[in-house]
Amino acid sequence: MQVSAGVFHSLFLDIYGRVYAAGGNNFGQLGLGNKTASYIPLMVESLKSKYITKISASHHSAAIDDKGGLYVWGTGSFGTQLLPIKFNDDLIKATDVQIGGCSGMMLSNGRIYSWGINCSGELGVSDYEIRENPCLIEGFDNVELISQGNNFAFASINVKQYNKNPSAVYKKNLKPKELEEYSPIKPKTIDDNESKLLLNLTTHSKSNDKLNENSDTKIKLLTKQLAEAALKNEILEKNLVESQNECNRLRRENSLFSQSLKALEGEAVNLRKKSNQMELENIKLVTEKAFYNNTIE
């Protein structure tokens, strides 16, 4: 069983490998095939045939099945997906996934793949460019643990005593003094002389506080713009439905008008026939009258 809380929604995984979603759905992050919010957890039906082992939620959603398949849904660098889509190649088996902000990370065979918004270099690919699909972070193998924040990420590699006391590794290595040395866009390893390496994909240093603040602002602005775009799209769809209904109504009225016009044309033809007949009868009467008058004279 697992629970993952996102920005506007939450995901739930039961003991049978089924995924449930609840909360906001302006970006399709519930994976229900629509953008309708739900106050109660609803099953993600399109994943029902899969046995899901891992879930993660933030701005969008992700899940991994027991065969290493990675699925994502919602709105992100990959576009808007109202239903889960397969996001990795069959040769790349996913073992872990983390979604943070508008980006994500996948762990496969000890290697990290990242995708999404990259305002703060949180993808660890040596630049600030967006990645629409999972992109391999070069130069790192044997990664055991990944974690994704709003605009930063962490990974742990080659920790010999990790199984003995994982908390000690974090307490000893996660020091602000050490974190100040890291590049904001290129992952760097730390050696504490005990074969414990911690990979920090971005920085928390004071020198980058302004950059992170600007990145947060950009992400909030992007989120707001996405929400506004979703609202506009909803209004446009509503207007389109109303226009289609009006068009159908006009077609029906036009059909009725055409039928009425044909009926009137038929009546006009009958009236013309009657008028011609009456005119012939009138001519006959006039002729007979003239003949009668001539006979009398």
C-alpha atoms as a PDB file:
ATOM      1  CA  MET A   1       0.000   0.000   0.000  1.00  0.00           C
ATOM      2  CA  GLN A   2       1.223   3.492  -0.849  1.00  0.00           C
ATOM      3  CA  VAL A   3      -0.007   7.089  -0.712  1.00  0.00           C
ATOM      4  CA  SER A   4       1.445  10.003  -2.666  1.00  0.00           C
ATOM      5  CA  ALA A   5       0.265  13.606  -2.227  1.00  0.00           C
ATOM      6  CA  GLY A   6       0.611  15.899  -5.233  1.00  0.00           C
ATOM      7  CA  VAL A   7       0.125  19.646  -5.684  1.00  0.00           C
ATOM      8  CA  PHE A   8      -3.642  19.492  -6.204  1.00  0.00           C
ATOM      9  CA  HIS A   9      -4.399  15.757  -5.944  1.00  0.00           C
ATOM     10  CA  SER A  10      -3.384  12.487  -4.290  1.00  0.00           C
ATOM     11  CA  LEU A  11      -2.760   8.927  -5.459  1.00  0.00           C
ATOM     12  CA  PHE A  12      -3.455   5.717  -3.535  1.00  0.00           C
ATOM     13  CA  LEU A  13      -2.140   2.191  -4.178  1.00  0.00           C
ATOM     14  CA  ASP A  14      -3.892  -0.813  -2.633  1.00  0.00           C
ATOM     15  CA  ILE A  15      -2.507  -4.270  -1.854  1.00  0.00           C
ATOM     16  CA  TYR A  16      -3.807  -5.587  -5.185  1.00  0.00           C
ATOM     17  CA  GLY A  17      -1.710  -3.178  -7.254  1.00  0.00           C
ATOM     18  CA  ARG A  18      -4.651  -0.944  -8.183  1.00  0.00           C
ATOM     19  CA  VAL A  19      -4.350   2.854  -8.319  1.00  0.00           C
ATOM     20  CA  TYR A  20      -6.949   5.305  -7.007  1.00  0.00           C
ATOM     21  CA  ALA A  21      -6.920   9.095  -7.418  1.00  0.00           C
ATOM     22  CA  ALA A  22      -8.737  12.006  -5.772  1.00  0.00           C
ATOM     23  CA  GLY A  23      -8.570  15.796  -5.729  1.00  0.00           C
ATOM     24  CA  GLY A  24      -8.218  18.513  -8.347  1.00  0.00           C
ATOM     25  CA  ASN A  25      -8.198  17.496 -11.994  1.00  0.00           C
ATOM     26  CA  ASN A  26      -7.748  20.670 -14.059  1.00  0.00           C
ATOM     27  CA  PHE A  27      -4.752  19.112 -15.790  1.00  0.00           C
ATOM     28  CA  GLY A  28      -6.050  15.536 -16.096  1.00  0.00           C
ATOM     29  CA  GLN A  29      -3.792  14.398 -13.252  1.00  0.00           C
ATOM     30  CA  LEU A  30      -6.380  11.933 -11.891  1.00  0.00           C
ATOM     31  CA  GLY A  31      -6.057   9.796 -15.041  1.00  0.00           C
ATOM     32  CA  LEU A  32      -9.827   9.296 -15.400  1.00  0.00           C
ATOM     33  CA  GLY A  33     -10.121  10.417 -19.018  1.00  0.00           C
ATOM     34  CA  ASN A  34     -11.594  13.816 -18.117  1.00  0.00           C
ATOM     35  CA  LYS A  35     -10.852  16.999 -16.158  1.00  0.00           C
ATOM     36  CA  THR A  36     -13.547  16.603 -13.515  1.00  0.00           C
ATOM     37  CA  ALA A  37     -12.385  16.836  -9.892  1.00  0.00           C
ATOM     38  CA  SER A  38     -13.295  14.088  -7.436  1.00  0.00           C
ATOM     39  CA  TYR A  39     -13.659  14.385  -3.669  1.00  0.00           C
ATOM     40  CA  ILE A  40     -13.463  10.618  -3.230  1.00  0.00           C
ATOM     41  CA  PRO A  41     -10.769   8.221  -4.510  1.00  0.00           C
ATOM     42  CA  LEU A  42     -11.706   6.745  -7.894  1.00  0.00           C
ATOM     43  CA  MET A  43      -9.951   3.814  -9.530  1.00  0.00           C
ATOM     44  CA  VAL A  44      -7.722   4.617 -12.510  1.00  0.00           C
ATOM     45  CA  GLU A  45      -9.472   2.103 -14.750  1.00  0.00           C
ATOM     46  CA  SER A  46      -6.900   2.122 -17.569  1.00  0.00           C
ATOM     47  CA  LEU A  47      -4.289   0.720 -15.128  1.00  0.00           C
ATOM     48  CA  LYS A  48      -6.620  -1.961 -13.801  1.00  0.00           C
ATOM     49  CA  SER A  49      -5.001  -4.649 -15.966  1.00  0.00           C
ATOM     50  CA  LYS A  50      -1.542  -3.752 -14.589  1.00  0.00           C
ATOM     51  CA  TYR A  51      -0.071  -4.683 -11.225  1.00  0.00           C
ATOM     52  CA  ILE A  52       1.296  -1.350 -10.015  1.00  0.00           C
ATOM     53  CA  THR A  53       4.160  -1.399  -7.518  1.00  0.00           C
ATOM     54  CA  LYS A  54       5.031   2.324  -7.229  1.00  0.00           C
ATOM     55  CA  ILE A  55       3.147   5.625  -7.478  1.00  0.00           C
ATOM     56  CA  SER A  56       4.246   9.268  -7.357  1.00  0.00           C
ATOM     57  CA  ALA A  57       2.278  12.508  -7.632  1.00  0.00           C
ATOM     58  CA  SER A  58       3.126  16.196  -7.866  1.00  0.00           C
ATOM     59  CA  HIS A  59       1.917  18.453 -10.676  1.00  0.00           C
ATOM     60  CA  HIS A  60       1.343  15.324 -12.798  1.00  0.00           C
ATOM     61  CA  SER A  61       1.234  11.628 -11.915  1.00  0.00           C
ATOM     62  CA  ALA A  62       3.326   8.526 -12.524  1.00  0.00           C
ATOM     63  CA  ALA A  63       3.255   4.811 -11.741  1.00  0.00           C
ATOM     64  CA  ILE A  64       5.411   1.714 -12.295  1.00  0.00           C
ATOM     65  CA  ASP A  65       4.083  -1.807 -12.848  1.00  0.00           C
ATOM     66  CA  ASP A  66       5.664  -5.131 -11.878  1.00  0.00           C
ATOM     67  CA  LYS A  67       7.195  -5.503 -15.353  1.00  0.00           C
ATOM     68  CA  GLY A  68       9.115  -2.233 -15.173  1.00  0.00           C
ATOM     69  CA  GLY A  69       6.678  -0.211 -17.272  1.00  0.00           C
ATOM     70  CA  LEU A  70       6.524   3.518 -16.479  1.00  0.00           C
ATOM     71  CA  TYR A  71       3.201   5.316 -16.959  1.00  0.00           C
ATOM     72  CA  VAL A  72       2.507   9.056 -16.707  1.00  0.00           C
ATOM     73  CA  TRP A  73      -0.606  11.179 -16.983  1.00  0.00           C
ATOM     74  CA  GLY A  74      -1.757  14.768 -16.450  1.00  0.00           C
ATOM     75  CA  THR A  75      -0.110  17.856 -17.938  1.00  0.00           C
ATOM     76  CA  GLY A  76       3.653  18.193 -18.279  1.00  0.00           C
ATOM     77  CA  SER A  77       6.445  18.511 -20.810  1.00  0.00           C
ATOM     78  CA  PHE A  78       4.892  15.485 -22.546  1.00  0.00           C
ATOM     79  CA  GLY A  79       1.676  17.430 -23.187  1.00  0.00           C
ATOM     80  CA  THR A  80      -1.743  16.761 -21.684  1.00  0.00           C
ATOM     81  CA  GLN A  81      -2.660  13.111 -21.148  1.00  0.00           C
ATOM     82  CA  LEU A  82      -6.055  12.440 -19.577  1.00  0.00           C
ATOM     83  CA  LEU A  83      -5.253   8.721 -19.392  1.00  0.00           C
ATOM     84  CA  PRO A  84      -1.972   7.005 -18.402  1.00  0.00           C
ATOM     85  CA  ILE A  85       0.494   6.489 -21.268  1.00  0.00           C
ATOM     86  CA  LYS A  86       3.540   4.204 -21.437  1.00  0.00           C
ATOM     87  CA  PHE A  87       6.561   6.477 -20.980  1.00  0.00           C
ATOM     88  CA  ASN A  88       9.607   4.199 -21.221  1.00  0.00           C
ATOM     89  CA  ASP A  89      11.065   1.765 -23.709  1.00  0.00           C
ATOM     90  CA  ASP A  90      10.547  -1.941 -23.019  1.00  0.00           C
ATOM     91  CA  LEU A  91      14.337  -2.384 -22.810  1.00  0.00           C
ATOM     92  CA  ILE A  92      14.551   0.195 -19.996  1.00  0.00           C
ATOM     93  CA  LYS A  93      12.885  -1.327 -16.931  1.00  0.00           C
ATOM     94  CA  ALA A  94      11.826   1.228 -14.329  1.00  0.00           C
ATOM     95  CA  THR A  95      12.456   0.326 -10.680  1.00  0.00           C
ATOM     96  CA  ASP A  96      11.611   3.657  -9.038  1.00  0.00           C
ATOM     97  CA  VAL A  97       9.985   6.961  -9.983  1.00  0.00           C
ATOM     98  CA  GLN A  98       9.791  10.363  -8.314  1.00  0.00           C
ATOM     99  CA  ILE A  99       7.708  13.338  -9.463  1.00  0.00           C
ATOM    100  CA  GLY A 100       8.498  16.816  -8.118  1.00  0.00           C
ATOM    101  CA  GLY A 101       7.001  20.085  -9.316  1.00  0.00           C
ATOM    102  CA  CYS A 102       6.786  19.863 -13.100  1.00  0.00           C
ATOM    103  CA  SER A 103       9.587  17.331 -13.565  1.00  0.00           C
ATOM    104  CA  GLY A 104      10.269  13.675 -12.832  1.00  0.00           C
ATOM    105  CA  MET A 105      13.004  11.053 -12.393  1.00  0.00           C
ATOM    106  CA  MET A 106      13.067   7.349 -13.181  1.00  0.00           C
ATOM    107  CA  LEU A 107      15.556   4.803 -11.882  1.00  0.00           C
ATOM    108  CA  SER A 108      16.458   1.885 -14.168  1.00  0.00           C
ATOM    109  CA  ASN A 109      19.282  -0.602 -13.669  1.00  0.00           C
ATOM    110  CA  GLY A 110      21.119   1.833 -11.408  1.00  0.00           C
ATOM    111  CA  ARG A 111      20.881   4.728 -13.896  1.00  0.00           C
ATOM    112  CA  ILE A 112      18.761   7.885 -13.712  1.00  0.00           C
ATOM    113  CA  TYR A 113      16.486   9.251 -16.416  1.00  0.00           C
ATOM    114  CA  SER A 114      14.816  12.651 -16.013  1.00  0.00           C
ATOM    115  CA  TRP A 115      12.210  14.720 -17.854  1.00  0.00           C
ATOM    116  CA  GLY A 116      10.123  17.892 -17.507  1.00  0.00           C
ATOM    117  CA  ILE A 117      10.626  21.583 -16.775  1.00  0.00           C
ATOM    118  CA  ASN A 118      14.262  22.453 -16.108  1.00  0.00           C
ATOM    119  CA  CYS A 119      14.237  26.073 -14.864  1.00  0.00           C
ATOM    120  CA  SER A 120      16.692  25.322 -12.038  1.00  0.00           C
ATOM    121  CA  GLY A 121      18.702  22.574 -13.682  1.00  0.00           C
ATOM    122  CA  GLU A 122      16.793  19.992 -11.668  1.00  0.00           C
ATOM    123  CA  LEU A 123      17.063  17.449 -14.502  1.00  0.00           C
ATOM    124  CA  GLY A 124      20.844  17.219 -14.048  1.00  0.00           C
ATOM    125  CA  VAL A 125      21.571  17.317 -17.789  1.00  0.00           C
ATOM    126  CA  SER A 126      24.032  20.252 -17.804  1.00  0.00           C
ATOM    127  CA  ASP A 127      21.576  22.813 -19.167  1.00  0.00           C
ATOM    128  CA  TYR A 128      18.221  24.437 -18.486  1.00  0.00           C
ATOM    129  CA  GLU A 129      16.354  23.030 -21.479  1.00  0.00           C
ATOM    130  CA  ILE A 130      13.014  21.215 -21.153  1.00  0.00           C
ATOM    131  CA  ARG A 131      13.016  17.467 -21.799  1.00  0.00           C
ATOM    132  CA  GLU A 132       9.765  16.032 -23.170  1.00  0.00           C
ATOM    133  CA  ASN A 133      10.843  12.403 -22.699  1.00  0.00           C
ATOM    134  CA  PRO A 134      13.064  10.585 -20.172  1.00  0.00           C
ATOM    135  CA  CYS A 135      16.705  11.603 -20.751  1.00  0.00           C
ATOM    136  CA  LEU A 136      19.669   9.667 -19.337  1.00  0.00           C
ATOM    137  CA  ILE A 137      21.859  11.541 -16.849  1.00  0.00           C
ATOM    138  CA  GLU A 138      25.314  10.622 -18.126  1.00  0.00           C
ATOM    139  CA  GLY A 139      28.213   9.494 -15.946  1.00  0.00           C
ATOM    140  CA  PHE A 140      26.385   7.874 -13.032  1.00  0.00           C
ATOM    141  CA  ASP A 141      25.808   4.175 -12.402  1.00  0.00           C
ATOM    142  CA  ASN A 142      24.831   1.989  -9.440  1.00  0.00           C
ATOM    143  CA  VAL A 143      22.314   4.521  -8.150  1.00  0.00           C
ATOM    144  CA  GLU A 144      20.244   3.045  -5.358  1.00  0.00           C
ATOM    145  CA  LEU A 145      17.930   5.834  -4.249  1.00  0.00           C
ATOM    146  CA  ILE A 146      16.353   8.908  -5.854  1.00  0.00           C
ATOM    147  CA  SER A 147      14.213  11.734  -4.509  1.00  0.00           C
ATOM    148  CA  GLN A 148      12.643  14.704  -6.307  1.00  0.00           C
ATOM    149  CA  GLY A 149      11.792  18.112  -4.857  1.00  0.00           C
ATOM    150  CA  ASN A 150       9.947  21.028  -6.411  1.00  0.00           C
ATOM    151  CA  ASN A 151      13.008  22.264  -8.321  1.00  0.00           C
ATOM    152  CA  PHE A 152      15.863  20.029  -7.110  1.00  0.00           C
ATOM    153  CA  ALA A 153      16.700  16.328  -6.849  1.00  0.00           C
ATOM    154  CA  PHE A 154      18.873  13.873  -4.902  1.00  0.00           C
ATOM    155  CA  ALA A 155      20.319  10.422  -5.532  1.00  0.00           C
ATOM    156  CA  SER A 156      22.405   8.017  -3.463  1.00  0.00           C
ATOM    157  CA  ILE A 157      25.026   5.706  -5.030  1.00  0.00           C
ATOM    158  CA  ASN A 158      27.586   3.092  -3.879  1.00  0.00           C
ATOM    159  CA  VAL A 159      26.650   3.184  -0.211  1.00  0.00           C
ATOM    160  CA  LYS A 160      28.191  -0.001   1.244  1.00  0.00           C
ATOM    161  CA  GLN A 161      26.611   0.290   4.682  1.00  0.00           C
ATOM    162  CA  TYR A 162      23.273   1.557   3.429  1.00  0.00           C
ATOM    163  CA  ASN A 163      21.413  -1.603   4.473  1.00  0.00           C
ATOM    164  CA  LYS A 164      22.905  -1.435   7.970  1.00  0.00           C
ATOM    165  CA  ASN A 165      22.006   2.103   8.877  1.00  0.00           C
ATOM    166  CA  PRO A 166      20.605   4.271   6.059  1.00  0.00           C
ATOM    167  CA  SER A 167      19.711   7.128   8.385  1.00  0.00           C
ATOM    168  CA  ALA A 168      23.367   7.504   9.435  1.00  0.00           C
ATOM    169  CA  VAL A 169      24.358   8.031   5.818  1.00  0.00           C
ATOM    170  CA  TYR A 170      21.972  10.946   5.480  1.00  0.00           C
ATOM    171  CA  LYS A 171      22.830  12.497   8.831  1.00  0.00           C
ATOM    172  CA  LYS A 172      26.521  12.448   8.013  1.00  0.00           C
ATOM    173  CA  ASN A 173      26.372  13.532   4.355  1.00  0.00           C
ATOM    174  CA  LEU A 174      23.536  16.057   4.204  1.00  0.00           C
ATOM    175  CA  LYS A 175      25.457  19.038   5.558  1.00  0.00           C
ATOM    176  CA  PRO A 176      24.714  22.575   4.309  1.00  0.00           C
ATOM    177  CA  LYS A 177      28.462  23.231   4.167  1.00  0.00           C
ATOM    178  CA  GLU A 178      28.961  20.392   1.715  1.00  0.00           C
ATOM    179  CA  LEU A 179      25.876  21.296  -0.318  1.00  0.00           C
ATOM    180  CA  GLU A 180      27.262  24.781  -1.047  1.00  0.00           C
ATOM    181  CA  GLU A 181      29.919  23.249  -3.303  1.00  0.00           C
ATOM    182  CA  TYR A 182      27.509  21.704  -5.783  1.00  0.00           C
ATOM    183  CA  SER A 183      26.693  22.892  -9.284  1.00  0.00           C
ATOM    184  CA  PRO A 184      23.016  23.752  -9.860  1.00  0.00           C
ATOM    185  CA  ILE A 185      22.904  21.895 -13.169  1.00  0.00           C
ATOM    186  CA  LYS A 186      25.597  19.180 -13.122  1.00  0.00           C
ATOM    187  CA  PRO A 187      25.331  16.292 -10.585  1.00  0.00           C
ATOM    188  CA  LYS A 188      28.346  15.842  -8.347  1.00  0.00           C
ATOM    189  CA  THR A 189      29.353  12.984  -5.992  1.00  0.00           C
ATOM    190  CA  ILE A 190      30.612  13.317  -2.432  1.00  0.00           C
ATOM    191  CA  ASP A 191      33.219  10.998  -0.894  1.00  0.00           C
ATOM    192  CA  ASP A 192      33.314  10.888   2.906  1.00  0.00           C
ATOM    193  CA  ASN A 193      36.250   8.377   2.953  1.00  0.00           C
ATOM    194  CA  GLU A 194      33.893   5.534   3.872  1.00  0.00           C
ATOM    195  CA  SER A 195      32.727   4.711   0.285  1.00  0.00           C
ATOM    196  CA  LYS A 196      29.566   6.719   0.861  1.00  0.00           C
ATOM    197  CA  LEU A 197      28.677   8.879  -2.111  1.00  0.00           C
ATOM    198  CA  LEU A 198      25.721  11.181  -2.243  1.00  0.00           C
ATOM    199  CA  LEU A 199      24.669  12.635  -5.583  1.00  0.00           C
ATOM    200  CA  ASN A 200      23.114  16.085  -5.405  1.00  0.00           C
ATOM    201  CA  LEU A 201      21.588  17.115  -8.720  1.00  0.00           C
ATOM    202  CA  THR A 202      21.038  20.776  -7.655  1.00  0.00           C
ATOM    203  CA  THR A 203      22.050  23.191  -4.924  1.00  0.00           C
ATOM    204  CA  HIS A 204      20.544  24.592  -1.747  1.00  0.00           C
ATOM    205  CA  SER A 205      23.311  27.110  -1.196  1.00  0.00           C
ATOM    206  CA  LYS A 206      22.681  30.714  -0.266  1.00  0.00           C
ATOM    207  CA  SER A 207      24.329  31.838  -3.477  1.00  0.00           C
ATOM    208  CA  ASN A 208      21.490  30.170  -5.401  1.00  0.00           C
ATOM    209  CA  ASP A 209      18.582  31.240  -3.194  1.00  0.00           C
ATOM    210  CA  LYS A 210      17.671  33.959  -5.657  1.00  0.00           C
ATOM    211  CA  LEU A 211      17.805  31.509  -8.567  1.00  0.00           C
ATOM    212  CA  ASN A 212      15.560  29.066  -6.704  1.00  0.00           C
ATOM    213  CA  GLU A 213      13.181  31.883  -5.779  1.00  0.00           C
ATOM    214  CA  ASN A 214      12.983  32.950  -9.417  1.00  0.00           C
ATOM    215  CA  SER A 215      12.462  29.334 -10.446  1.00  0.00           C
ATOM    216  CA  ASP A 216       9.630  28.968  -7.927  1.00  0.00           C
ATOM    217  CA  THR A 217       8.065  32.111  -9.339  1.00  0.00           C
ATOM    218  CA  LYS A 218       8.394  30.770 -12.889  1.00  0.00           C
ATOM    219  CA  ILE A 219       6.859  27.441 -11.893  1.00  0.00           C
ATOM    220  CA  LYS A 220       3.983  29.151 -10.092  1.00  0.00           C
ATOM    221  CA  LEU A 221       3.448  31.379 -13.105  1.00  0.00           C
ATOM    222  CA  LEU A 222       3.530  28.372 -15.422  1.00  0.00           C
ATOM    223  CA  THR A 223       1.079  26.514 -13.186  1.00  0.00           C
ATOM    224  CA  LYS A 224      -1.220  29.541 -13.176  1.00  0.00           C
ATOM    225  CA  GLN A 225      -0.972  29.835 -16.956  1.00  0.00           C
ATOM    226  CA  LEU A 226      -1.769  26.148 -17.332  1.00  0.00           C
ATOM    227  CA  ALA A 227      -4.797  26.553 -15.051  1.00  0.00           C
ATOM    228  CA  GLU A 228      -5.963  29.588 -17.030  1.00  0.00           C
ATOM    229  CA  ALA A 229      -5.430  27.704 -20.293  1.00  0.00           C
ATOM    230  CA  ALA A 230      -7.435  24.762 -18.951  1.00  0.00           C
ATOM    231  CA  LEU A 231     -10.240  27.134 -17.917  1.00  0.00           C
ATOM    232  CA  LYS A 232     -10.223  28.826 -21.332  1.00  0.00           C
ATOM    233  CA  ASN A 233     -10.265  25.430 -22.996  1.00  0.00           C
ATOM    234  CA  GLU A 234     -13.245  24.414 -20.873  1.00  0.00           C
ATOM    235  CA  ILE A 235     -15.069  27.620 -21.857  1.00  0.00           C
ATOM    236  CA  LEU A 236     -14.217  27.065 -25.540  1.00  0.00           C
ATOM    237  CA  GLU A 237     -15.477  23.492 -25.349  1.00  0.00           C
ATOM    238  CA  LYS A 238     -18.697  24.728 -23.739  1.00  0.00           C
ATOM    239  CA  ASN A 239     -19.112  27.390 -26.446  1.00  0.00           C
ATOM    240  CA  LEU A 240     -18.422  24.753 -29.093  1.00  0.00           C
ATOM    241  CA  VAL A 241     -21.151  22.514 -27.695  1.00  0.00           C
ATOM    242  CA  GLU A 242     -23.568  25.443 -27.606  1.00  0.00           C
ATOM    243  CA  SER A 243     -22.650  26.357 -31.195  1.00  0.00           C
ATOM    244  CA  GLN A 244     -23.182  22.777 -32.312  1.00  0.00           C
ATOM    245  CA  ASN A 245     -26.572  22.698 -30.578  1.00  0.00           C
ATOM    246  CA  GLU A 246     -27.537  25.991 -32.241  1.00  0.00           C
ATOM    247  CA  CYS A 247     -26.362  24.676 -35.599  1.00  0.00           C
ATOM    248  CA  ASN A 248     -28.458  21.532 -35.139  1.00  0.00           C
ATOM    249  CA  ARG A 249     -31.467  23.660 -34.200  1.00  0.00           C
ATOM    250  CA  LEU A 250     -31.046  25.791 -37.330  1.00  0.00           C
ATOM    251  CA  ARG A 251     -30.724  22.653 -39.445  1.00  0.00           C
ATOM    252  CA  ARG A 252     -34.001  21.356 -38.002  1.00  0.00           C
ATOM    253  CA  GLU A 253     -35.702  24.702 -38.619  1.00  0.00           C
ATOM    254  CA  ASN A 254     -34.307  24.795 -42.149  1.00  0.00           C
ATOM    255  CA  SER A 255     -35.636  21.291 -42.758  1.00  0.00           C
ATOM    256  CA  LEU A 256     -39.091  22.317 -41.505  1.00  0.00           C
ATOM    257  CA  PHE A 257     -38.940  25.468 -43.641  1.00  0.00           C
ATOM    258  CA  SER A 258     -38.005  23.412 -46.700  1.00  0.00           C
ATOM    259  CA  GLN A 259     -40.933  21.100 -46.075  1.00  0.00           C
ATOM    260  CA  SER A 260     -43.290  24.059 -45.655  1.00  0.00           C
ATOM    261  CA  LEU A 261     -41.905  25.656 -48.829  1.00  0.00           C
ATOM    262  CA  LYS A 262     -42.532  22.471 -50.798  1.00  0.00           C
ATOM    263  CA  ALA A 263     -46.077  22.327 -49.455  1.00  0.00           C
ATOM    264  CA  LEU A 264     -46.685  25.956 -50.464  1.00  0.00           C
ATOM    265  CA  GLU A 265     -45.250  25.320 -53.901  1.00  0.00           C
ATOM    266  CA  GLY A 266     -47.645  22.381 -54.278  1.00  0.00           C
ATOM    267  CA  GLU A 267     -50.589  24.555 -53.252  1.00  0.00           C
ATOM    268  CA  ALA A 268     -49.461  27.250 -55.723  1.00  0.00           C
ATOM    269  CA  VAL A 269     -49.435  24.680 -58.530  1.00  0.00           C
ATOM    270  CA  ASN A 270     -52.969  23.558 -57.598  1.00  0.00           C
ATOM    271  CA  LEU A 271     -54.136  27.193 -57.498  1.00  0.00           C
ATOM    272  CA  ARG A 272     -52.649  27.818 -60.933  1.00  0.00           C
ATOM    273  CA  LYS A 273     -54.495  24.782 -62.285  1.00  0.00           C
ATOM    274  CA  LYS A 274     -57.773  25.969 -60.751  1.00  0.00           C
ATOM    275  CA  SER A 275     -57.198  29.479 -62.089  1.00  0.00           C
ATOM    276  CA  ASN A 276     -56.562  28.155 -65.604  1.00  0.00           C
ATOM    277  CA  GLN A 277     -59.658  25.993 -65.396  1.00  0.00           C
ATOM    278  CA  MET A 278     -61.803  28.908 -64.240  1.00  0.00           C
ATOM    279  CA  GLU A 279     -60.389  31.074 -67.043  1.00  0.00           C
ATOM    280  CA  LEU A 280     -61.314  28.420 -69.594  1.00  0.00           C
ATOM    281  CA  GLU A 281     -64.818  28.181 -68.170  1.00  0.00           C
ATOM    282  CA  ASN A 282     -65.127  31.968 -68.253  1.00  0.00           C
ATOM    283  CA  ILE A 283     -64.064  32.039 -71.943  1.00  0.00           C
ATOM    284  CA  LYS A 284     -66.591  29.323 -72.678  1.00  0.00           C
ATOM    285  CA  LEU A 285     -69.355  31.286 -70.978  1.00  0.00           C
ATOM    286  CA  VAL A 286     -68.456  34.449 -72.878  1.00  0.00           C
ATOM    287  CA  THR A 287     -68.444  32.552 -76.195  1.00  0.00           C
ATOM    288  CA  GLU A 288     -71.788  30.935 -75.468  1.00  0.00           C
ATOM    289  CA  LYS A 289     -73.275  34.301 -74.506  1.00  0.00           C
ATOM    290  CA  ALA A 290     -72.040  35.920 -77.733  1.00  0.00           C
ATOM    291  CA  PHE A 291     -73.447  33.037 -79.768  1.00  0.00           C
ATOM    292  CA  TYR A 292     -76.790  33.299 -77.977  1.00  0.00           C
ATOM    293  CA  ASN A 293     -76.979  37.048 -78.636  1.00  0.00           C
ATOM    294  CA  ASN A 294     -76.232  36.571 -82.331  1.00  0.00           C
ATOM    295  CA  THR A 295     -78.895  33.914 -82.608  1.00  0.00           C
ATOM    296  CA  ILE A 296     -81.541  36.192 -81.111  1.00  0.00           C
ATOM    297  CA  GLU A 297     -80.671  39.031 -83.455  1.00  0.00           C
END
